[in-house]
């Protein structure tokens, strides 16, 4: 598993069970499911897009954001890696304050 996928899994886990809210770790089977199969709604996907943009310092187009619901954690990691290699970038929140 790549570092990108590990971070995507953390983001998905935090979206599914936000810190401070009772929950359980997602299983490997759940990480293999698409966000749609995990019952992520449109607002969940918007929040996920924002987290991905902030965490990885990439800009996710509306077109790419529409694809998120039909991707699993590994699919999202692949998309993020592609965006990092080819897409427009901006400074991460942690880098912007420097």
Foldseek 3Di string as FASTA:
>chain_A
DDPLLVVLQVLVQCLLANPPRDDDRDDPVQLQAFLVVVVQDPVSLVVSQVVLCQVLQFHQDPVNSVCRRRGGSVRVSVVSVVRSVDNDGDDHPVVVVD
